[in-house]
Amino acid sequence: MCNSLFLEESEERRKCFLNVRLMFAKIRGIFEMNKVFNKNIISVITM
């Protein structure tokens, strides 16, 4: 009983951890896309 409870707890924690990592990956991806986008805009303006 206690063992299965502990197992469930760690499983939940892992899911939460994965969700947080996914969120950060998405945010980082958006920032990267923004950087590329801004570079393209600047190069178009300076042309």
N, C-alpha and C. Protein backbone atom coordinates (compact mmCIF):
# COMPACT_ATOMS: atom_id res chain seq x y z
N MET A 1 0.84 -1.20 0.00
CA MET A 1 0.00 0.00 0.00
C MET A 1 0.87 1.25 0.00
N CYS A 2 1.72 1.33 0.99
CA CYS A 2 2.61 2.49 1.10
C CYS A 2 3.52 2.57 -0.13
N ASN A 3 3.96 1.41 -0.57
CA ASN A 3 4.86 1.34 -1.71
C ASN A 3 4.18 1.87 -2.98
N SER A 4 2.94 1.42 -3.22
CA SER A 4 2.23 1.84 -4.43
C SER A 4 1.94 3.34 -4.39
N LEU A 5 1.67 3.84 -3.18
CA LEU A 5 1.41 5.27 -3.02
C LEU A 5 2.65 6.07 -3.42
N PHE A 6 3.79 5.60 -2.94
CA PHE A 6 5.06 6.26 -3.26
C PHE A 6 5.31 6.23 -4.77
N LEU A 7 4.99 5.10 -5.38
CA LEU A 7 5.18 4.94 -6.82
C LEU A 7 4.32 5.95 -7.58
N GLU A 8 3.05 6.04 -7.17
CA GLU A 8 2.14 7.00 -7.83
C GLU A 8 2.66 8.42 -7.68
N GLU A 9 3.11 8.73 -6.47
CA GLU A 9 3.62 10.07 -6.18
C GLU A 9 4.77 10.43 -7.13
N SER A 10 5.73 9.51 -7.26
CA SER A 10 6.89 9.80 -8.11
C SER A 10 6.46 9.88 -9.58
N GLU A 11 5.45 9.09 -9.95
CA GLU A 11 4.95 9.13 -11.32
C GLU A 11 4.35 10.50 -11.62
N GLU A 12 3.55 10.99 -10.68
CA GLU A 12 2.94 12.31 -10.83
C GLU A 12 4.02 13.38 -10.94
N ARG A 13 5.01 13.26 -10.07
CA ARG A 13 6.08 14.25 -10.06
C ARG A 13 6.80 14.26 -11.41
N ARG A 14 7.01 13.05 -11.95
CA ARG A 14 7.72 12.96 -13.24
C ARG A 14 6.90 13.61 -14.34
N LYS A 15 5.59 13.36 -14.32
CA LYS A 15 4.72 13.97 -15.34
C LYS A 15 4.79 15.48 -15.24
N CYS A 16 4.72 15.98 -14.02
CA CYS A 16 4.77 17.43 -13.81
C CYS A 16 6.10 17.98 -14.32
N PHE A 17 7.19 17.28 -14.00
CA PHE A 17 8.52 17.70 -14.43
C PHE A 17 8.60 17.75 -15.95
N LEU A 18 8.04 16.73 -16.60
CA LEU A 18 8.07 16.69 -18.07
C LEU A 18 7.26 17.84 -18.65
N ASN A 19 6.12 18.14 -18.03
CA ASN A 19 5.29 19.25 -18.50
C ASN A 19 6.05 20.57 -18.41
N VAL A 20 6.74 20.76 -17.29
CA VAL A 20 7.50 21.99 -17.09
C VAL A 20 8.60 22.09 -18.15
N ARG A 21 9.28 20.96 -18.39
CA ARG A 21 10.36 20.97 -19.39
C ARG A 21 9.81 21.28 -20.77
N LEU A 22 8.64 20.72 -21.07
CA LEU A 22 8.01 20.96 -22.36
C LEU A 22 7.67 22.44 -22.51
N MET A 23 7.16 23.03 -21.42
CA MET A 23 6.80 24.44 -21.44
C MET A 23 8.04 25.30 -21.71
N PHE A 24 9.13 25.00 -21.01
CA PHE A 24 10.35 25.77 -21.20
C PHE A 24 10.88 25.60 -22.62
N ALA A 25 10.78 24.39 -23.16
CA ALA A 25 11.23 24.15 -24.53
C ALA A 25 10.41 24.98 -25.50
N LYS A 26 9.10 25.05 -25.26
CA LYS A 26 8.24 25.85 -26.14
C LYS A 26 8.62 27.32 -26.06
N ILE A 27 8.82 27.81 -24.83
CA ILE A 27 9.18 29.22 -24.65
C ILE A 27 10.50 29.52 -25.34
N ARG A 28 11.47 28.61 -25.17
CA ARG A 28 12.78 28.81 -25.80
C ARG A 28 12.63 28.81 -27.31
N GLY A 29 11.80 27.91 -27.82
CA GLY A 29 11.56 27.84 -29.26
C GLY A 29 10.97 29.14 -29.78
N ILE A 30 10.04 29.71 -29.01
CA ILE A 30 9.42 30.97 -29.43
C ILE A 30 10.47 32.07 -29.46
N PHE A 31 11.34 32.10 -28.44
CA PHE A 31 12.39 33.12 -28.41
C PHE A 31 13.33 32.97 -29.59
N GLU A 32 13.71 31.72 -29.90
CA GLU A 32 14.61 31.48 -31.03
C GLU A 32 13.96 31.96 -32.33
N MET A 33 12.68 31.62 -32.52
CA MET A 33 11.98 32.03 -33.72
C MET A 33 11.93 33.55 -33.81
N ASN A 34 11.71 34.20 -32.66
CA ASN A 34 11.68 35.66 -32.63
C ASN A 34 13.01 36.25 -33.05
N LYS A 35 14.10 35.65 -32.56
CA LYS A 35 15.43 36.15 -32.92
C LYS A 35 15.65 36.06 -34.42
N VAL A 36 15.33 34.91 -34.98
CA VAL A 36 15.50 34.71 -36.43
C VAL A 36 14.63 35.69 -37.19
N PHE A 37 13.39 35.83 -36.73
CA PHE A 37 12.44 36.73 -37.37
C PHE A 37 12.97 38.16 -37.35
N ASN A 38 13.46 38.60 -36.19
CA ASN A 38 13.99 39.96 -36.07
C ASN A 38 15.20 40.16 -36.98
N LYS A 39 16.07 39.16 -37.05
CA LYS A 39 17.24 39.27 -37.93
C LYS A 39 16.79 39.45 -39.37
N ASN A 40 15.79 38.67 -39.79
CA ASN A 40 15.29 38.76 -41.15
C ASN A 40 14.71 40.14 -41.42
N ILE A 41 13.94 40.65 -40.47
CA ILE A 41 13.35 41.98 -40.63
C ILE A 41 14.45 43.02 -40.78
N ILE A 42 15.45 42.95 -39.91
CA ILE A 42 16.54 43.93 -39.94
C ILE A 42 17.28 43.86 -41.27
N SER A 43 17.56 42.64 -41.74
CA SER A 43 18.30 42.51 -43.00
C SER A 43 17.45 43.02 -44.16
N VAL A 44 16.15 42.84 -44.09
CA VAL A 44 15.27 43.35 -45.15
C VAL A 44 15.27 44.88 -45.12
N ILE A 45 15.23 45.44 -43.91
CA ILE A 45 15.19 46.90 -43.79
C ILE A 45 16.49 47.51 -44.29
N THR A 46 17.63 46.89 -43.96
CA THR A 46 18.91 47.47 -44.33
C THR A 46 19.24 47.26 -45.80
N MET A 47 18.51 46.38 -46.48
CA MET A 47 18.83 46.13 -47.88
C MET A 47 18.47 47.33 -48.75
